[in-house]
Each structure stands twice: as C-alpha cells, then as structure tokens.
Amino acid sequence: MKALVPLILLLAAFLGLSVAYSTATPYRTPGVLAFQRGPDGLPARVPDVGAPDERQHANYISHLLQGKGFPVLRPGSADLGETYQSHQPPLYYLLAAGWAKVAGLDPTLSSAGVPLRLLNSLVGLATLLGIYFLVFWGTGKRSVANAATAFAALLPMFVALHGAVSNDPLLFCLCTWVLALCVKGSVQHWSLRLSVGIGFLVGLALLTKTSALALVPLLLVALYLAHRQETPEDRPTPLAMAIAILLPLVIFAPWALRNFGLYGDFLAISAFNQAFVGSPQAAGFIEMAGPVGYWTQWVGWWTGRSLVGFFGYMDIQLFESLGLDSNRQGAFYSLVLAIFGFATLFWFVKSKDLAEEDPSPASLLPLQVLSGLLAILTLVLFVRFNLQYFQGQARYLFLAIGPLALWVGGGVCGVMKGRKDWAWLVIAIFLGALSWVGYQTLGEAFLRRTIGAGS
C-alpha cells in the first residue's frame, strides 16, 4: 500500500484541480474575446466564452436526451453554429447522456456545467492510471511510473481539458490504455483475453473520435513485436491476432456504414470539410507569414503555449493574472517548454541505462518503439490537419499523452539519478504551482470577459 501513496496523492490532486478549473470556467455564458477582433474592430463576441466547442458538445448530448436519436451534420444549415459537432462518433455523448439522465441534468442550463463536466474528471483518473501502468509495465520502475503520472496529472492544460464537456478526454483515455496493454503484451504474455481487451478498446476509441485510426498501425506493430518474443508460449496465436485486428472493425462498422449512407464516406470527412469552410484556413496564414513563419510562429508557438496552458478560445494565457506583458509571458512559456524539452532529450540519451540497471523487463524496446510510433502517428495527423486548417492546439497531440508523460517523467528521473524515487514530487510541486497560477488566472480572466457581454 505504501508504494501506491504517490499515485493516490496524484489522482486526488488531479481530481481536485480539474473540478476547480471547472468551477472557474463559465458554462453556456456569452462573452468577449479580449485579443480577437470582430468585424467592427471591437473584441469579438461569442455565445459561449468558456471551454472551446463545449456548447456544441452539450447540444449533442441534449439532442440524445430529447430522444431525437443521433444528430446529423448539415453543412450550410442556419443552426450550424450550434450543431457543428454533430458528425462526431457517439460513444462519449452516449456516456454523457446517461450521466446527465442519472444526475437529472439539462445540458442546456448553466447549472448543469460543473456536474456534467465531472464525468471527464473521472475519465481523467482512468487516463492517469493508464499512464502509470504503461510506464510500469514498460520499465518495471515505480519511480518512473510515478513521475510520468505526475506530469500528466498536474499539467495545467491537461487539467483544464478535463474540466470541460468534450469527447477529447475519452479519446486520451482509450488511446493510453491501448498503448499500455500493447506494451504489456509485447513484454509479457499476449493472451487471447488481452487480444479481446485491446480490440474492444480500439473499437471504442474509433467510436469516440476518428483520429483513433492511429491505433490501427500501432496495434499491428505491437502484434509484430509480440510475435518476436523468445518464448513461443508468450506469442499471440493466430486466433488472438485475428481477434485483435477484426474486433475493432466489427465494432466500428455500423457507425461507418451510417456515415457512408448519410455523407458518402465512412468517416464523415466530406461533411466536416463542407461545414468548416469558414474556419481559419492554413493557406491564408501561409500567404501572410510564409511557410516557415506559419509552422514556427503560428502552429509551433501557439501549440507550444497550449501544451502548457492556453485557455478558453486560445484567448487566456496561463500567466495573465501575474500582470506580465506579452513578452514576459512568452519568456515564461519558453522556459517551461525548454524544461520539458531538456527532460525529454535526457530520457532518450539515458534511458538505456535503465535497462542495464535492471533486466526486468529485459528490454525497453517495445515501450520505446510503440510510444514513439504513437507519437509520430499523432504528429502526422496534426500536421495533416494544420496543412488545411490553422489549429495550433496541443489537445490534438494529447492522444499521445502517454509517450509525452513517459519522456518528461523519465527524463526527470534520469536527472535525479539516486533520488529518482522523489522525481514525482519535484514534478508535482513545479506543475502544481503552474496549475494553481492557471486556476487563479481563469477566475479573473473570465470575469473580465463576461462583464457587459450581453446575451
């Protein structure tokens, strides 16, 4: 039990912070964006100033609760501003509708905000457990597992995302557990039961968000690594391999067929592109800043800041409450990102020492290969999206939160060497302080953005 104390403390800290962020973020409240301008040159007015796209996610849930079935995305419709999430796969919304039904919540009322958001706080706890076991099964080290969990649990942006109504947290959770179980099967024993579990989770991920397609090549590589294990009894049988590959397709097929019947393609991409013609187009930014400027000053810099914490509609910087000018806030962001980068580099340089220190597991290869693959696939999807639309948001990268947490947490453990058992606490204190600054910022910043906003 003593060995689990750090994990328990981190789970409790995350839950408390995500609820705190939830209470500090307005729900279905009109407001203004301080640093974005409308056609009149004044701060842009928005119908919901809180978490991005939350109003539309809640509308999807409300649609289900009203017994209208699954919504259909209709590009060009008069109510597109309220319904542009209607193309999303249904799993999160079904869970949220059930949660709202049991709790007696109406997602269209402001009073439903905090209790409806609580579902994602609980989903986040499951994700943190997935990160812990991913790293523990892959390295055999509780110190590294605790440090990785601390990074995710107290990263301000990760906390904020779990204090909102969105299908992103469920995707993070399912992807993390698929990666963890694939690593376990590749270093231990790949059983038929494991194949069923992984195949089922991949299918659920596909029913959560289409970017879960990244899990398909991940699964194939994991099966290949598992098939190369020295002990034949630990390798997946042909039946186990077939189940792992086919089960996700069976689970996703009904929704894919529905999409094809409605939109003409299995993933509803055509309808999405038609509906989002008014979204910020990458071509316009590239024309303005040039290709290098677009990928560095826009996509890179905006994504980097949102990796740490950039709230609302990318309008509230983490350090806003400190009264710093834009340059000084940028310097703080750069410092935090540099620390993350150094820790990551240290992990890649020194991780081989971990395998030599303790041969259990015998090799970090499955963990390194599968984590790296998921990160690369996630990055490819992110780049592809930003080639068409400007979306410099780190939430698209948190599909690979497990690898990121491993690299930063493992790097800090490497730096601390003989005191690596306390690495989780160092990370927790550092990121906990940033999360507290973020919480203080949200209350003040949203208050300024809602006063006098109108209805």
Protein backbone atom coordinates (compact mmCIF):
# COMPACT_ATOMS: atom_id res chain seq x y z
CA MET A 1 0.00 0.00 0.00
CA LYS A 2 2.88 2.36 0.81
CA ALA A 3 4.14 2.05 -2.77
CA LEU A 4 0.82 3.39 -4.06
CA VAL A 5 0.79 6.53 -1.89
CA PRO A 6 2.30 8.80 -4.61
CA LEU A 7 -0.21 7.54 -7.17
CA ILE A 8 -3.15 8.08 -4.81
CA LEU A 9 -1.97 11.61 -3.98
CA LEU A 10 -1.57 12.46 -7.66
CA LEU A 11 -5.03 11.15 -8.52
CA ALA A 12 -6.53 13.21 -5.69
CA ALA A 13 -4.64 16.34 -6.77
CA PHE A 14 -5.79 15.96 -10.36
CA LEU A 15 -9.41 15.46 -9.37
CA GLY A 16 -9.37 18.49 -7.11
CA LEU A 17 -7.72 20.70 -9.73
CA SER A 18 -9.96 19.61 -12.60
CA VAL A 19 -13.06 20.37 -10.52
CA ALA A 20 -11.55 23.71 -9.51
CA TYR A 21 -10.88 24.59 -13.16
CA SER A 22 -14.42 23.52 -13.98
CA THR A 23 -15.89 25.87 -11.37
CA ALA A 24 -13.74 28.75 -12.65
CA THR A 25 -14.80 28.30 -16.28
CA PRO A 26 -18.19 29.74 -17.36
CA TYR A 27 -20.70 27.34 -18.87
CA ARG A 28 -23.00 28.47 -21.70
CA THR A 29 -22.19 32.08 -20.88
CA PRO A 30 -21.82 34.78 -23.57
CA GLY A 31 -18.73 36.94 -23.52
CA VAL A 32 -15.98 38.63 -25.48
CA LEU A 33 -12.52 37.54 -26.61
CA ALA A 34 -10.07 40.17 -25.42
CA PHE A 35 -7.39 39.54 -28.04
CA GLN A 36 -9.53 38.64 -31.04
CA ARG A 37 -11.48 41.20 -33.06
CA GLY A 38 -14.88 41.06 -34.70
CA PRO A 39 -15.90 42.73 -38.00
CA ASP A 40 -16.44 46.02 -36.12
CA GLY A 41 -12.87 46.05 -34.84
CA LEU A 42 -14.00 45.54 -31.26
CA PRO A 43 -13.33 42.43 -29.11
CA ALA A 44 -15.19 39.54 -30.74
CA ARG A 45 -18.44 38.49 -29.09
CA VAL A 46 -19.07 34.77 -28.66
CA PRO A 47 -22.19 32.95 -27.41
CA ASP A 48 -20.14 30.83 -25.01
CA VAL A 49 -16.87 32.24 -23.70
CA GLY A 50 -15.79 29.20 -21.66
CA ALA A 51 -14.30 25.96 -22.98
CA PRO A 52 -13.90 25.70 -26.78
CA ASP A 53 -16.75 23.91 -28.57
CA GLU A 54 -18.30 22.92 -25.24
CA ARG A 55 -21.67 24.41 -26.11
CA GLN A 56 -21.89 22.28 -29.26
CA HIS A 57 -20.82 19.11 -27.44
CA ALA A 58 -23.52 19.79 -24.85
CA ASN A 59 -26.08 20.33 -27.61
CA TYR A 60 -25.27 16.87 -28.98
CA ILE A 61 -25.90 15.40 -25.51
CA SER A 62 -29.16 17.33 -25.22
CA HIS A 63 -30.25 16.03 -28.63
CA LEU A 64 -29.85 12.45 -27.38
CA LEU A 65 -31.64 13.18 -24.11
CA GLN A 66 -34.62 14.52 -26.05
CA GLY A 67 -34.97 11.16 -27.78
CA LYS A 68 -34.15 12.51 -31.24
CA GLY A 69 -31.52 9.90 -31.99
CA PHE A 70 -28.08 10.75 -33.31
CA PRO A 71 -27.80 14.23 -34.84
CA VAL A 72 -26.78 14.76 -38.45
CA LEU A 73 -24.30 17.40 -39.58
CA ARG A 74 -25.89 19.60 -42.24
CA PRO A 75 -23.35 21.95 -43.87
CA GLY A 76 -24.82 25.35 -44.58
CA SER A 77 -27.74 24.97 -42.17
CA ALA A 78 -28.91 28.03 -40.27
CA ASP A 79 -28.10 26.43 -36.91
CA LEU A 80 -24.61 25.21 -37.87
CA GLY A 81 -23.08 27.36 -35.13
CA GLU A 82 -24.92 25.22 -32.59
CA THR A 83 -24.59 21.83 -34.29
CA TYR A 84 -21.16 21.63 -35.92
CA GLN A 85 -20.12 18.72 -33.67
CA SER A 86 -22.98 16.56 -34.99
CA HIS A 87 -20.67 14.47 -37.16
CA GLN A 88 -18.74 13.13 -34.16
CA PRO A 89 -18.87 9.41 -33.30
CA PRO A 90 -21.33 8.73 -30.48
CA LEU A 91 -19.59 7.00 -27.57
CA TYR A 92 -18.78 9.98 -25.37
CA TYR A 93 -22.17 11.55 -25.94
CA LEU A 94 -23.98 8.34 -25.02
CA LEU A 95 -21.99 8.12 -21.80
CA ALA A 96 -22.59 11.80 -21.03
CA ALA A 97 -26.31 11.47 -21.79
CA GLY A 98 -26.52 8.54 -19.39
CA TRP A 99 -24.60 10.53 -16.77
CA ALA A 100 -26.92 13.52 -17.23
CA LYS A 101 -30.00 11.29 -17.09
CA VAL A 102 -28.96 9.70 -13.80
CA ALA A 103 -28.00 13.07 -12.30
CA GLY A 104 -31.13 14.81 -13.59
CA LEU A 105 -29.18 17.37 -15.62
CA ASP A 106 -30.30 19.50 -18.55
CA PRO A 107 -27.12 20.23 -20.56
CA THR A 108 -28.65 23.45 -21.93
CA LEU A 109 -28.86 25.03 -18.47
CA SER A 110 -25.92 26.85 -16.89
CA SER A 111 -26.48 24.96 -13.62
CA ALA A 112 -25.52 21.70 -15.33
CA GLY A 113 -21.98 22.81 -16.10
CA VAL A 114 -19.92 21.54 -13.16
CA PRO A 115 -21.76 18.23 -12.61
CA LEU A 116 -21.75 17.43 -16.33
CA ARG A 117 -18.05 18.25 -16.58
CA LEU A 118 -17.32 15.95 -13.64
CA LEU A 119 -17.66 12.96 -15.95
CA ASN A 120 -14.48 13.95 -17.75
CA SER A 121 -12.67 14.48 -14.45
CA LEU A 122 -13.38 10.83 -13.66
CA VAL A 123 -12.33 9.80 -17.16
CA GLY A 124 -9.08 11.63 -16.50
CA LEU A 125 -8.44 9.47 -13.45
CA ALA A 126 -8.66 6.40 -15.69
CA THR A 127 -6.21 8.00 -18.12
CA LEU A 128 -3.72 8.64 -15.32
CA LEU A 129 -3.96 5.01 -14.26
CA GLY A 130 -3.30 4.06 -17.88
CA ILE A 131 -0.16 6.21 -17.94
CA TYR A 132 1.03 4.68 -14.68
CA PHE A 133 0.65 1.11 -15.90
CA LEU A 134 2.01 1.93 -19.36
CA VAL A 135 5.27 3.09 -17.82
CA PHE A 136 5.36 0.49 -15.04
CA TRP A 137 4.77 -2.42 -17.42
CA GLY A 138 7.29 -1.00 -19.87
CA THR A 139 10.10 -0.15 -17.43
CA GLY A 140 9.36 -2.14 -14.28
CA LYS A 141 10.07 1.05 -12.30
CA ARG A 142 7.51 2.64 -9.98
CA SER A 143 9.69 5.74 -9.74
CA VAL A 144 9.39 6.39 -13.47
CA ALA A 145 5.69 5.48 -13.49
CA ASN A 146 5.01 7.94 -10.65
CA ALA A 147 6.98 10.71 -12.36
CA ALA A 148 5.16 10.21 -15.67
CA THR A 149 1.80 10.24 -13.90
CA ALA A 150 2.73 13.42 -12.04
CA PHE A 151 3.47 15.18 -15.31
CA ALA A 152 0.05 14.46 -16.80
CA ALA A 153 -1.88 14.87 -13.54
CA LEU A 154 -0.69 18.42 -12.91
CA LEU A 155 -0.05 19.79 -16.39
CA PRO A 156 -2.35 22.86 -16.48
CA MET A 157 -3.70 22.27 -20.00
CA PHE A 158 -4.38 18.60 -19.36
CA VAL A 159 -6.25 19.55 -16.18
CA ALA A 160 -8.29 22.21 -17.97
CA LEU A 161 -9.36 19.86 -20.74
CA HIS A 162 -10.80 17.51 -18.14
CA GLY A 163 -12.82 20.31 -16.61
CA ALA A 164 -14.94 20.71 -19.74
CA VAL A 165 -17.62 18.89 -21.74
CA SER A 166 -15.76 17.31 -24.67
CA ASN A 167 -15.06 13.97 -26.33
CA ASP A 168 -11.29 14.56 -26.21
CA PRO A 169 -10.65 13.17 -22.69
CA LEU A 170 -12.30 9.84 -23.51
CA LEU A 171 -10.09 9.57 -26.60
CA PHE A 172 -6.98 10.27 -24.50
CA CYS A 173 -8.06 7.58 -22.04
CA LEU A 174 -8.74 4.86 -24.60
CA CYS A 175 -5.56 5.56 -26.58
CA THR A 176 -3.46 5.47 -23.42
CA TRP A 177 -4.88 2.14 -22.31
CA VAL A 178 -4.50 0.60 -25.77
CA LEU A 179 -0.84 1.64 -25.76
CA ALA A 180 -0.36 0.32 -22.22
CA LEU A 181 -1.89 -3.07 -23.00
CA CYS A 182 0.06 -3.34 -26.25
CA VAL A 183 3.28 -2.74 -24.32
CA LYS A 184 2.28 -5.30 -21.71
CA GLY A 185 1.54 -7.91 -24.37
CA SER A 186 4.84 -7.19 -26.10
CA VAL A 187 6.98 -7.63 -22.97
CA GLN A 188 4.96 -10.25 -21.11
CA HIS A 189 2.39 -12.74 -22.34
CA TRP A 190 -0.01 -11.95 -25.20
CA SER A 191 -3.14 -13.93 -24.36
CA LEU A 192 -6.45 -14.34 -26.14
CA ARG A 193 -8.04 -12.33 -23.36
CA LEU A 194 -5.59 -9.50 -23.98
CA SER A 195 -6.47 -9.51 -27.69
CA VAL A 196 -10.15 -9.20 -26.87
CA GLY A 197 -9.46 -6.33 -24.48
CA ILE A 198 -7.24 -4.40 -26.87
CA GLY A 199 -9.53 -4.98 -29.85
CA PHE A 200 -12.53 -3.84 -27.82
CA LEU A 201 -10.78 -0.66 -26.67
CA VAL A 202 -9.60 0.20 -30.19
CA GLY A 203 -13.18 -0.22 -31.38
CA LEU A 204 -14.43 2.07 -28.62
CA ALA A 205 -11.78 4.64 -29.50
CA LEU A 206 -12.95 4.64 -33.12
CA LEU A 207 -16.47 5.29 -31.80
CA THR A 208 -15.11 8.27 -29.87
CA LYS A 209 -13.14 10.18 -32.50
CA THR A 210 -11.85 9.30 -35.95
CA SER A 211 -8.27 10.28 -35.06
CA ALA A 212 -8.23 6.97 -33.16
CA LEU A 213 -7.33 5.47 -36.55
CA ALA A 214 -3.75 5.99 -35.37
CA LEU A 215 -4.28 2.97 -33.11
CA VAL A 216 -4.62 0.58 -36.05
CA PRO A 217 -0.97 0.68 -37.19
CA LEU A 218 0.06 0.77 -33.52
CA LEU A 219 -1.80 -2.49 -32.93
CA LEU A 220 -0.21 -4.14 -35.98
CA VAL A 221 3.31 -3.21 -34.84
CA ALA A 222 2.54 -4.40 -31.30
CA LEU A 223 1.43 -7.77 -32.66
CA TYR A 224 4.64 -7.98 -34.68
CA LEU A 225 6.78 -7.25 -31.59
CA ALA A 226 4.82 -9.74 -29.51
CA HIS A 227 5.24 -12.38 -32.21
CA ARG A 228 9.01 -11.96 -31.93
CA GLN A 229 9.15 -12.83 -28.22
CA GLU A 230 11.66 -15.55 -27.35
CA THR A 231 9.19 -17.84 -25.58
CA PRO A 232 6.64 -19.32 -28.03
CA GLU A 233 4.01 -19.52 -25.27
CA ASP A 234 4.14 -15.73 -24.87
CA ARG A 235 3.48 -15.03 -28.53
CA PRO A 236 -0.05 -14.29 -29.79
CA THR A 237 -1.76 -17.20 -31.50
CA PRO A 238 -3.24 -16.74 -34.99
CA LEU A 239 -6.69 -16.61 -33.38
CA ALA A 240 -5.56 -13.92 -30.93
CA MET A 241 -4.08 -11.87 -33.75
CA ALA A 242 -7.23 -12.18 -35.84
CA ILE A 243 -9.46 -11.10 -32.94
CA ALA A 244 -7.29 -8.10 -32.14
CA ILE A 245 -7.44 -6.92 -35.75
CA LEU A 246 -11.02 -7.74 -36.65
CA LEU A 247 -12.86 -6.84 -33.44
CA PRO A 248 -12.33 -3.05 -33.84
CA LEU A 249 -13.67 -3.25 -37.39
CA VAL A 250 -16.76 -5.13 -36.23
CA ILE A 251 -17.43 -2.56 -33.50
CA PHE A 252 -16.92 0.46 -35.76
CA ALA A 253 -18.65 -0.94 -38.86
CA PRO A 254 -22.27 0.08 -38.00
CA TRP A 255 -21.26 3.70 -37.43
CA ALA A 256 -19.06 3.73 -40.54
CA LEU A 257 -21.93 2.40 -42.65
CA ARG A 258 -24.25 5.04 -41.21
CA ASN A 259 -21.73 7.73 -42.16
CA PHE A 260 -21.48 6.36 -45.68
CA GLY A 261 -25.24 6.41 -46.07
CA LEU A 262 -25.51 10.00 -44.80
CA TYR A 263 -22.35 11.67 -46.05
CA GLY A 264 -20.95 9.42 -48.76
CA ASP A 265 -17.84 8.40 -46.84
CA PHE A 266 -17.17 6.18 -43.85
CA LEU A 267 -15.56 8.86 -41.64
CA ALA A 268 -17.83 11.86 -42.45
CA ILE A 269 -14.79 13.82 -43.58
CA SER A 270 -16.57 15.30 -46.59
CA ALA A 271 -19.34 16.76 -44.43
CA PHE A 272 -16.77 18.11 -41.99
CA ASN A 273 -14.87 19.89 -44.76
CA GLN A 274 -18.07 21.39 -46.18
CA ALA A 275 -19.19 22.61 -42.76
CA PHE A 276 -15.85 24.15 -41.81
CA VAL A 277 -15.21 26.25 -44.91
CA GLY A 278 -15.34 29.35 -42.69
CA SER A 279 -12.70 28.09 -40.26
CA PRO A 280 -9.19 29.62 -40.29
CA GLN A 281 -7.56 28.25 -43.43
CA ALA A 282 -3.87 27.38 -43.40
CA ALA A 283 -3.42 28.87 -46.88
CA GLY A 284 -4.29 32.34 -45.63
CA PHE A 285 -1.74 32.19 -42.81
CA ILE A 286 0.94 30.76 -45.11
CA GLU A 287 0.33 33.60 -47.57
CA MET A 288 0.64 36.12 -44.74
CA ALA A 289 3.62 34.68 -42.83
CA GLY A 290 5.25 32.35 -45.33
CA PRO A 291 5.64 28.57 -44.84
CA VAL A 292 8.40 28.86 -42.22
CA GLY A 293 6.60 31.58 -40.31
CA TYR A 294 3.34 29.65 -40.38
CA TRP A 295 4.84 26.46 -38.93
CA THR A 296 7.03 28.21 -36.35
CA GLN A 297 5.37 31.47 -35.29
CA TRP A 298 1.81 30.27 -35.68
CA VAL A 299 1.40 26.48 -35.41
CA GLY A 300 4.54 25.89 -33.36
CA TRP A 301 4.30 28.80 -30.93
CA TRP A 302 0.54 28.54 -30.37
CA THR A 303 0.73 24.78 -29.89
CA GLY A 304 3.70 25.08 -27.54
CA ARG A 305 1.90 27.54 -25.30
CA SER A 306 -1.27 25.46 -25.29
CA LEU A 307 0.79 22.41 -24.31
CA VAL A 308 1.49 24.21 -21.04
CA GLY A 309 -1.77 26.12 -20.70
CA PHE A 310 -3.68 28.46 -23.04
CA PHE A 311 -7.34 28.65 -22.06
CA GLY A 312 -10.75 29.48 -23.46
CA TYR A 313 -10.73 30.13 -27.18
CA MET A 314 -6.92 30.49 -27.10
CA ASP A 315 -7.53 33.90 -25.52
CA ILE A 316 -6.32 33.45 -21.92
CA GLN A 317 -2.63 32.89 -21.31
CA LEU A 318 -1.53 30.94 -18.24
CA PHE A 319 0.35 33.85 -16.69
CA GLU A 320 -2.22 36.57 -17.39
CA SER A 321 -3.07 37.03 -13.70
CA LEU A 322 0.56 37.89 -12.90
CA GLY A 323 0.23 41.21 -14.73
CA LEU A 324 3.11 40.48 -17.12
CA ASP A 325 3.36 41.94 -20.59
CA SER A 326 3.19 39.65 -23.61
CA ASN A 327 6.98 39.31 -23.95
CA ARG A 328 7.46 38.26 -20.35
CA GLN A 329 4.61 35.78 -20.53
CA GLY A 330 6.21 34.37 -23.66
CA ALA A 331 9.52 34.05 -21.81
CA PHE A 332 7.83 32.02 -19.06
CA TYR A 333 6.24 29.73 -21.63
CA SER A 334 9.60 29.28 -23.35
CA LEU A 335 11.27 28.40 -20.05
CA VAL A 336 8.69 25.73 -19.21
CA LEU A 337 8.88 24.26 -22.72
CA ALA A 338 12.68 24.24 -22.51
CA ILE A 339 12.49 22.24 -19.27
CA PHE A 340 10.14 19.73 -20.92
CA GLY A 341 12.46 19.54 -23.92
CA PHE A 342 15.55 19.00 -21.81
CA ALA A 343 13.89 16.24 -19.80
CA THR A 344 12.73 14.54 -22.99
CA LEU A 345 16.21 14.72 -24.52
CA PHE A 346 17.71 13.34 -21.32
CA TRP A 347 15.31 10.39 -21.44
CA PHE A 348 16.32 9.44 -24.96
CA VAL A 349 20.02 9.77 -24.15
CA LYS A 350 19.99 7.97 -20.79
CA SER A 351 17.05 5.55 -20.98
CA LYS A 352 19.37 2.71 -22.00
CA ASP A 353 20.94 2.97 -18.54
CA LEU A 354 17.59 2.00 -17.06
CA ALA A 355 17.51 -1.26 -18.97
CA GLU A 356 21.08 -2.06 -17.96
CA GLU A 357 20.37 -1.24 -14.31
CA ASP A 358 17.60 -3.83 -14.01
CA PRO A 359 16.91 -6.50 -16.63
CA SER A 360 13.22 -6.67 -15.72
CA PRO A 361 11.83 -6.12 -18.28
CA ALA A 362 14.72 -7.39 -20.38
CA SER A 363 14.36 -4.59 -22.91
CA LEU A 364 12.74 -1.18 -23.18
CA LEU A 365 12.38 -1.75 -26.92
CA PRO A 366 8.59 -2.38 -27.02
CA LEU A 367 7.91 0.66 -24.82
CA GLN A 368 10.21 2.90 -26.84
CA VAL A 369 9.02 1.69 -30.24
CA LEU A 370 5.30 1.73 -29.51
CA SER A 371 5.38 5.04 -27.64
CA GLY A 372 7.44 6.62 -30.39
CA LEU A 373 5.13 5.23 -33.06
CA LEU A 374 2.01 6.61 -31.41
CA ALA A 375 3.70 9.99 -31.03
CA ILE A 376 4.73 10.01 -34.71
CA LEU A 377 1.28 8.97 -35.92
CA THR A 378 -0.31 11.65 -33.75
CA LEU A 379 2.09 14.26 -35.11
CA VAL A 380 1.34 13.20 -38.70
CA LEU A 381 -2.39 13.63 -38.11
CA PHE A 382 -1.74 17.01 -36.50
CA VAL A 383 0.41 18.23 -39.38
CA ARG A 384 -2.13 16.97 -41.91
CA PHE A 385 -4.90 18.89 -40.14
CA ASN A 386 -2.84 22.07 -39.98
CA LEU A 387 -2.00 21.83 -43.66
CA GLN A 388 -5.68 22.57 -44.25
CA TYR A 389 -6.81 24.48 -41.15
CA PHE A 390 -4.86 26.55 -38.65
CA GLN A 391 -5.38 24.64 -35.40
CA GLY A 392 -2.34 25.24 -33.21
CA GLN A 393 -3.80 23.43 -30.22
CA ALA A 394 -1.94 20.84 -28.17
CA ARG A 395 -5.14 18.96 -27.39
CA TYR A 396 -4.73 17.27 -30.77
CA LEU A 397 -1.38 15.95 -29.56
CA PHE A 398 -2.64 14.64 -26.22
CA LEU A 399 -3.76 11.50 -27.99
CA ALA A 400 -0.09 10.68 -27.24
CA ILE A 401 -0.12 11.95 -23.66
CA GLY A 402 1.30 8.59 -22.52
CA PRO A 403 4.53 8.91 -24.52
CA LEU A 404 4.91 12.58 -23.60
CA ALA A 405 4.50 11.82 -19.90
CA LEU A 406 6.97 8.95 -20.17
CA TRP A 407 9.62 11.12 -21.80
CA VAL A 408 9.37 14.06 -19.41
CA GLY A 409 8.85 11.99 -16.27
CA GLY A 410 11.56 9.50 -17.23
CA GLY A 411 13.94 12.33 -18.06
CA VAL A 412 13.48 13.94 -14.65
CA CYS A 413 14.13 10.55 -13.03
CA GLY A 414 17.34 10.30 -15.04
CA VAL A 415 18.48 13.74 -13.94
CA MET A 416 17.85 12.92 -10.28
CA LYS A 417 19.64 9.55 -10.50
CA GLY A 418 19.89 8.13 -6.98
CA ARG A 419 16.97 10.23 -5.80
CA LYS A 420 14.66 9.32 -8.64
CA ASP A 421 12.06 7.98 -6.20
CA TRP A 422 11.30 11.63 -5.41
CA ALA A 423 11.13 12.78 -9.02
CA TRP A 424 7.33 12.63 -8.95
CA LEU A 425 7.27 15.12 -6.07
CA VAL A 426 9.58 17.56 -7.84
CA ILE A 427 7.36 17.44 -10.93
CA ALA A 428 4.23 17.73 -8.79
CA ILE A 429 5.49 20.83 -6.98
CA PHE A 430 6.59 22.54 -10.20
CA LEU A 431 3.50 21.77 -12.27
CA GLY A 432 1.19 22.09 -9.27
CA ALA A 433 2.37 25.68 -8.87
CA LEU A 434 1.69 26.33 -12.56
CA SER A 435 -1.77 24.76 -12.26
CA TRP A 436 -2.55 26.95 -9.29
CA VAL A 437 -1.48 30.03 -11.27
CA GLY A 438 -3.75 28.83 -14.07
CA TYR A 439 -6.68 28.48 -11.69
CA GLN A 440 -6.12 31.97 -10.34
CA THR A 441 -5.92 33.30 -13.88
CA LEU A 442 -9.15 31.68 -15.06
CA GLY A 443 -11.35 33.30 -12.43
CA GLU A 444 -10.08 36.81 -13.07
CA ALA A 445 -9.80 36.47 -16.85
CA PHE A 446 -13.27 35.07 -17.43
CA LEU A 447 -14.79 37.68 -15.13
CA ARG A 448 -13.37 40.42 -17.35
CA ARG A 449 -14.58 38.66 -20.47
CA THR A 450 -18.17 38.18 -19.33
CA ILE A 451 -18.98 41.55 -17.73
CA GLY A 452 -21.10 43.61 -20.12
CA ALA A 453 -21.06 40.89 -22.76
CA GLY A 454 -24.80 40.92 -23.21
CA SER A 455 -26.96 37.93 -24.03
